[in-house]
Amino acid sequence: MTPKEFVMRLQAAVVDENYAIYRDLFMHTSIEKASDPYWKRALALYNSFSLEQKEVFFEVIHQISVDTVSNILGVIDGVNSVEGIEAELVLKYDDEEPPLSGDLQSLFLTEEEKREKMN
């Protein structure tokens, strides 16, 4: 697996699939059917939004996912630091060489930028 393949699969599995799940949950779950107090509050907030505000809400969810994945990839690449992690992190797929890590954050952000331009 190449770093680009990894980034694209991660983008699909984490950003795209989770976005679709959250969008579906917010759009199709009634407060009465929710049992978790957190979800009841979140659904009440969502239901108080206008249609335009709901779309902005989903844009925020998407951006938070992108930022989170980007930051984690930056940690794996050694670009972003995490207190207490001093050693170099290396991400490998199976025992393939070279490792996947090194430029994952840049690849991810480049792919995300391409997708934004298409929309």
C-alpha atoms as a PDB file:
ATOM      1  CA  MET A   1       0.000   0.000   0.000  1.00  0.00           C
ATOM      2  CA  THR A   2       1.324   3.413  -0.889  1.00  0.00           C
ATOM      3  CA  PRO A   3       1.058   6.439   1.411  1.00  0.00           C
ATOM      4  CA  LYS A   4      -1.443   8.000  -1.006  1.00  0.00           C
ATOM      5  CA  GLU A   5      -3.620   4.861  -0.976  1.00  0.00           C
ATOM      6  CA  PHE A   6      -3.520   4.840   2.822  1.00  0.00           C
ATOM      7  CA  VAL A   7      -4.509   8.509   3.019  1.00  0.00           C
ATOM      8  CA  MET A   8      -7.367   8.058   0.547  1.00  0.00           C
ATOM      9  CA  ARG A   9      -8.702   5.006   2.413  1.00  0.00           C
ATOM     10  CA  LEU A  10      -8.419   6.849   5.716  1.00  0.00           C
ATOM     11  CA  GLN A  11     -10.228   9.823   4.234  1.00  0.00           C
ATOM     12  CA  ALA A  12     -13.048   7.591   2.991  1.00  0.00           C
ATOM     13  CA  ALA A  13     -13.364   5.564   6.196  1.00  0.00           C
ATOM     14  CA  VAL A  14     -12.942   8.313   8.771  1.00  0.00           C
ATOM     15  CA  VAL A  15     -14.021  11.573   7.160  1.00  0.00           C
ATOM     16  CA  ASP A  16     -16.588  10.500   4.559  1.00  0.00           C
ATOM     17  CA  GLU A  17     -18.234   7.570   6.329  1.00  0.00           C
ATOM     18  CA  ASN A  18     -18.440   9.300   9.702  1.00  0.00           C
ATOM     19  CA  TYR A  19     -19.822  12.450   8.065  1.00  0.00           C
ATOM     20  CA  ALA A  20     -22.523  10.369   6.385  1.00  0.00           C
ATOM     21  CA  ILE A  21     -23.328   8.598   9.664  1.00  0.00           C
ATOM     22  CA  TYR A  22     -23.634  11.848  11.618  1.00  0.00           C
ATOM     23  CA  ARG A  23     -25.682  13.486   8.873  1.00  0.00           C
ATOM     24  CA  ASP A  24     -28.063  10.532   8.796  1.00  0.00           C
ATOM     25  CA  LEU A  25     -28.349  10.401  12.584  1.00  0.00           C
ATOM     26  CA  PHE A  26     -29.106  14.089  12.924  1.00  0.00           C
ATOM     27  CA  MET A  27     -31.524  14.168  10.002  1.00  0.00           C
ATOM     28  CA  HIS A  28     -33.449  10.981  10.822  1.00  0.00           C
ATOM     29  CA  THR A  29     -33.395  10.462  14.592  1.00  0.00           C
ATOM     30  CA  SER A  30     -36.221  11.919  16.611  1.00  0.00           C
ATOM     31  CA  ILE A  31     -35.514  13.181  20.105  1.00  0.00           C
ATOM     32  CA  GLU A  32     -38.125  10.766  21.428  1.00  0.00           C
ATOM     33  CA  LYS A  33     -36.207   7.771  20.025  1.00  0.00           C
ATOM     34  CA  ALA A  34     -32.874   8.892  21.483  1.00  0.00           C
ATOM     35  CA  SER A  35     -32.010   7.315  24.828  1.00  0.00           C
ATOM     36  CA  ASP A  36     -28.638   8.940  25.501  1.00  0.00           C
ATOM     37  CA  PRO A  37     -28.933  12.350  27.239  1.00  0.00           C
ATOM     38  CA  TYR A  38     -26.069  13.676  25.087  1.00  0.00           C
ATOM     39  CA  TRP A  39     -27.903  12.754  21.871  1.00  0.00           C
ATOM     40  CA  LYS A  40     -31.140  14.260  23.148  1.00  0.00           C
ATOM     41  CA  ARG A  41     -29.369  17.577  23.762  1.00  0.00           C
ATOM     42  CA  ALA A  42     -27.503  17.396  20.442  1.00  0.00           C
ATOM     43  CA  LEU A  43     -30.718  16.640  18.528  1.00  0.00           C
ATOM     44  CA  ALA A  44     -32.553  19.453  20.309  1.00  0.00           C
ATOM     45  CA  LEU A  45     -29.802  21.850  19.274  1.00  0.00           C
ATOM     46  CA  TYR A  46     -29.835  20.586  15.681  1.00  0.00           C
ATOM     47  CA  ASN A  47     -33.625  20.817  15.465  1.00  0.00           C
ATOM     48  CA  SER A  48     -33.485  24.445  16.584  1.00  0.00           C
ATOM     49  CA  PHE A  49     -31.411  25.378  13.502  1.00  0.00           C
ATOM     50  CA  SER A  50     -32.741  26.800  10.243  1.00  0.00           C
ATOM     51  CA  LEU A  51     -31.976  24.833   7.046  1.00  0.00           C
ATOM     52  CA  GLU A  52     -28.989  27.085   6.339  1.00  0.00           C
ATOM     53  CA  GLN A  53     -27.686  26.662   9.886  1.00  0.00           C
ATOM     54  CA  LYS A  54     -28.027  22.885   9.582  1.00  0.00           C
ATOM     55  CA  GLU A  55     -25.818  22.921   6.468  1.00  0.00           C
ATOM     56  CA  VAL A  56     -23.227  25.050   8.292  1.00  0.00           C
ATOM     57  CA  PHE A  57     -23.400  22.576  11.194  1.00  0.00           C
ATOM     58  CA  PHE A  58     -22.550  19.710   8.825  1.00  0.00           C
ATOM     59  CA  GLU A  59     -19.708  21.759   7.317  1.00  0.00           C
ATOM     60  CA  VAL A  60     -18.321  22.195  10.839  1.00  0.00           C
ATOM     61  CA  ILE A  61     -18.557  18.445  11.496  1.00  0.00           C
ATOM     62  CA  HIS A  62     -16.683  17.793   8.256  1.00  0.00           C
ATOM     63  CA  GLN A  63     -13.977  20.345   9.056  1.00  0.00           C
ATOM     64  CA  ILE A  64     -13.484  18.978  12.571  1.00  0.00           C
ATOM     65  CA  SER A  65     -12.986  15.491  11.088  1.00  0.00           C
ATOM     66  CA  VAL A  66     -10.468  16.805   8.560  1.00  0.00           C
ATOM     67  CA  ASP A  67      -8.564  18.769  11.208  1.00  0.00           C
ATOM     68  CA  THR A  68      -8.469  15.796  13.575  1.00  0.00           C
ATOM     69  CA  VAL A  69      -7.204  13.347  10.956  1.00  0.00           C
ATOM     70  CA  SER A  70      -4.670  15.921   9.773  1.00  0.00           C
ATOM     71  CA  ASN A  71      -3.336  16.496  13.287  1.00  0.00           C
ATOM     72  CA  ILE A  72      -3.013  12.772  13.984  1.00  0.00           C
ATOM     73  CA  LEU A  73      -1.191  12.240  10.683  1.00  0.00           C
ATOM     74  CA  GLY A  74       1.077  15.152  11.597  1.00  0.00           C
ATOM     75  CA  VAL A  75       1.936  13.392  14.861  1.00  0.00           C
ATOM     76  CA  ILE A  76       2.699  10.163  12.988  1.00  0.00           C
ATOM     77  CA  ASP A  77       4.827  12.106  10.483  1.00  0.00           C
ATOM     78  CA  GLY A  78       6.718  13.885  13.269  1.00  0.00           C
ATOM     79  CA  VAL A  79       5.461  17.318  12.176  1.00  0.00           C
ATOM     80  CA  ASN A  80       3.145  17.844  15.166  1.00  0.00           C
ATOM     81  CA  SER A  81       4.384  17.116  18.644  1.00  0.00           C
ATOM     82  CA  VAL A  82       2.654  15.445  21.551  1.00  0.00           C
ATOM     83  CA  GLU A  83       3.972  16.007  25.028  1.00  0.00           C
ATOM     84  CA  GLY A  84       5.694  12.900  26.336  1.00  0.00           C
ATOM     85  CA  ILE A  85       6.308  11.344  22.911  1.00  0.00           C
ATOM     86  CA  GLU A  86       9.984  11.809  22.190  1.00  0.00           C
ATOM     87  CA  ALA A  87      10.715   8.859  19.912  1.00  0.00           C
ATOM     88  CA  GLU A  88      10.153   8.881  16.165  1.00  0.00           C
ATOM     89  CA  LEU A  89       6.875   7.240  15.154  1.00  0.00           C
ATOM     90  CA  VAL A  90       6.880   4.992  12.114  1.00  0.00           C
ATOM     91  CA  LEU A  91       3.744   3.679  10.440  1.00  0.00           C
ATOM     92  CA  LYS A  92       4.206   0.526   8.398  1.00  0.00           C
ATOM     93  CA  TYR A  93       1.787  -1.551   6.385  1.00  0.00           C
ATOM     94  CA  ASP A  94       2.636  -5.170   7.072  1.00  0.00           C
ATOM     95  CA  ASP A  95       6.428  -5.284   6.813  1.00  0.00           C
ATOM     96  CA  GLU A  96       6.609  -3.250   3.621  1.00  0.00           C
ATOM     97  CA  GLU A  97       9.431  -0.802   3.140  1.00  0.00           C
ATOM     98  CA  PRO A  98       9.587   2.135   3.051  1.00  0.00           C
ATOM     99  CA  PRO A  99       7.205   3.018   5.893  1.00  0.00           C
ATOM    100  CA  LEU A 100       3.990   4.876   5.139  1.00  0.00           C
ATOM    101  CA  SER A 101       4.730   7.723   7.521  1.00  0.00           C
ATOM    102  CA  GLY A 102       6.706  10.788   6.595  1.00  0.00           C
ATOM    103  CA  ASP A 103       4.407  12.841   4.383  1.00  0.00           C
ATOM    104  CA  LEU A 104       0.920  11.604   5.281  1.00  0.00           C
ATOM    105  CA  GLN A 105      -0.399  14.924   6.593  1.00  0.00           C
ATOM    106  CA  SER A 106       0.603  16.776   3.415  1.00  0.00           C
ATOM    107  CA  LEU A 107      -0.854  14.051   1.206  1.00  0.00           C
ATOM    108  CA  PHE A 108      -4.101  14.084   3.178  1.00  0.00           C
ATOM    109  CA  LEU A 109      -4.469  17.865   3.040  1.00  0.00           C
ATOM    110  CA  THR A 110      -3.646  17.912  -0.685  1.00  0.00           C
ATOM    111  CA  GLU A 111      -6.319  15.294  -1.388  1.00  0.00           C
ATOM    112  CA  GLU A 112      -8.828  17.187   0.770  1.00  0.00           C
ATOM    113  CA  GLU A 113      -8.079  20.409  -1.088  1.00  0.00           C
ATOM    114  CA  LYS A 114      -8.624  18.665  -4.449  1.00  0.00           C
ATOM    115  CA  ARG A 115     -11.990  17.362  -3.227  1.00  0.00           C
ATOM    116  CA  GLU A 116     -13.063  20.804  -2.011  1.00  0.00           C
ATOM    117  CA  LYS A 117     -12.284  22.319  -5.415  1.00  0.00           C
ATOM    118  CA  MET A 118     -14.447  19.670  -7.084  1.00  0.00           C
ATOM    119  CA  ASN A 119     -17.467  20.537  -4.914  1.00  0.00           C
END
